[in-house]
Protein backbone atom coordinates (compact mmCIF):
# COMPACT_ATOMS: atom_id res chain seq x y z
CA TYR A 1 0.03 -0.01 -0.07
CA GLY A 2 1.06 3.61 -0.72
CA TYR A 3 0.80 6.53 1.46
CA SER A 4 -2.25 7.83 -0.52
CA ASP A 5 -3.92 4.53 0.34
CA PHE A 6 -3.24 5.03 3.95
CA GLY A 7 -5.09 8.41 3.82
CA TRP A 8 -8.19 6.89 2.23
CA LEU A 9 -8.24 4.12 4.91
CA VAL A 10 -8.21 6.96 7.63
CA VAL A 11 -11.12 8.68 5.94
CA ILE A 12 -13.10 5.48 5.58
CA GLY A 13 -12.42 4.61 9.33
CA ILE A 14 -13.52 8.13 10.44
CA VAL A 15 -16.73 7.94 8.36
CA GLY A 16 -17.36 4.31 9.55
CA GLY A 17 -16.97 5.42 13.23
CA ILE A 18 -19.42 8.27 12.73
CA VAL A 19 -22.01 6.19 10.99
CA GLY A 20 -21.51 3.47 13.69
CA SER A 21 -22.01 5.89 16.54
CA LEU A 22 -25.09 7.15 14.84
CA TYR A 23 -26.56 3.80 14.56
CA THR A 24 -25.88 3.01 18.09
CA ARG A 25 -27.69 6.27 19.26
CA ALA A 26 -30.66 5.31 17.02
CA VAL A 27 -30.87 1.86 18.51
CA ILE A 28 -30.85 3.27 22.00
CA PHE A 29 -33.40 5.83 21.22
CA GLY A 30 -35.67 3.05 19.59
CA VAL A 31 -35.26 0.63 22.43
CA SER A 32 -35.99 3.37 25.05
CA SER A 33 -39.06 4.51 23.07
CA ARG A 34 -40.41 0.97 22.97
CA ILE A 35 -39.74 0.37 26.78
CA ARG A 36 -41.51 3.77 27.38
CA LEU A 37 -44.48 2.91 25.20
CA LEU A 38 -44.95 -0.74 26.13
CA GLY A 39 -44.06 -0.41 29.69
CA GLY A 40 -45.99 -2.97 31.77
CA ARG A 41 -48.46 -4.10 29.15
CA PRO A 42 -47.74 -7.75 28.26
CA ARG A 43 -50.28 -8.03 25.51
CA LEU A 44 -48.70 -5.12 23.67
CA LYS A 45 -45.30 -6.60 23.99
CA VAL A 46 -46.70 -9.77 22.36
CA LEU A 47 -48.23 -7.74 19.54
CA ASP A 48 -45.08 -5.74 19.10
CA ALA A 49 -42.95 -8.97 18.83
CA LEU A 50 -45.46 -10.37 16.26
CA LEU A 51 -45.39 -7.20 14.20
CA TRP A 52 -41.57 -7.03 14.09
CA SER A 53 -41.30 -10.74 13.18
CA THR A 54 -43.94 -10.31 10.54
CA ILE A 55 -42.06 -7.35 9.03
CA ALA A 56 -38.76 -9.17 9.13
CA PHE A 57 -40.17 -12.44 7.55
CA SER A 58 -41.77 -10.35 4.81
CA THR A 59 -38.74 -8.37 4.05
CA PHE A 60 -36.63 -11.44 3.73
CA TYR A 61 -39.34 -13.29 1.63
CA TRP A 62 -40.08 -10.61 -0.82
CA ALA A 63 -36.44 -9.50 -1.22
CA GLY A 64 -35.74 -13.10 -2.51
CA ALA A 65 -38.85 -13.23 -4.60
CA PHE A 66 -37.94 -9.96 -6.49
CA SER A 67 -34.10 -10.51 -7.00
CA ASP A 68 -32.84 -11.69 -10.38
CA CYS A 69 -30.92 -14.58 -8.77
CA THR A 70 -30.42 -17.44 -11.12
CA ALA A 71 -28.53 -20.95 -10.70
CA CYS A 72 -24.91 -21.02 -11.80
CA PRO A 73 -24.39 -22.90 -15.02
CA PRO A 74 -22.63 -26.32 -14.48
CA GLU A 75 -19.45 -25.17 -16.41
CA SER A 76 -18.80 -22.12 -14.02
CA SER A 77 -16.46 -22.32 -11.13
CA CYS A 78 -19.29 -21.35 -8.68
CA TYR A 79 -21.15 -24.75 -9.25
CA GLY A 80 -18.77 -26.72 -7.07
CA GLY A 81 -15.95 -28.16 -9.09
CA GLY A 82 -14.02 -24.96 -9.40
CA THR A 83 -11.76 -23.04 -6.93
CA ASN A 84 -14.70 -21.78 -4.96
CA ALA A 85 -16.04 -25.24 -4.14
CA THR A 86 -16.52 -26.00 -0.45
CA ALA A 87 -15.52 -29.22 1.27
CA THR A 88 -19.23 -30.32 1.25
CA ASP A 89 -19.37 -29.81 -2.53
CA ARG A 90 -16.13 -31.81 -3.10
CA MET A 91 -17.49 -34.71 -0.76
CA LEU A 92 -20.80 -34.86 -2.58
CA GLN A 93 -19.13 -34.96 -5.89
CA GLU A 94 -17.09 -38.06 -4.83
CA LEU A 95 -20.29 -39.98 -3.84
CA PRO A 96 -21.91 -42.28 -6.34
CA ALA A 97 -24.95 -40.77 -7.95
CA THR A 98 -27.42 -43.00 -6.06
CA SER A 99 -25.95 -42.11 -2.73
CA ARG A 100 -25.88 -38.43 -3.47
CA GLY A 101 -29.64 -38.44 -4.31
CA ARG A 102 -30.49 -40.28 -1.13
CA ARG A 103 -28.26 -38.21 0.96
CA LEU A 104 -29.68 -34.94 -0.40
CA ALA A 105 -33.19 -36.15 -0.07
CA GLY A 106 -32.79 -37.14 3.45
CA ALA A 107 -31.09 -33.98 4.54
CA GLY A 108 -34.13 -31.76 4.27
């Protein structure tokens, strides 16, 4: 790395620290507001938990539904045989085809 790279790393570190501290303050404000609003009402706490879990589930579900994700073609390196293959991919490739099918069907 050169000296100019060091300067950019310092700038990125400072900006990251500022954003991190703002995030921490926002989380503290949000948690204290929820504690103040929900106080000693157990039914509201349950409804609050259901609301947030529904929002989180919906976000993750619809984010995947609207993405343009496609499967890797078999000849690419991301399919398992290339440099990005994990140990599990390599082990599954070494199994006979009949064992591989049974193992994958029983895993889910």
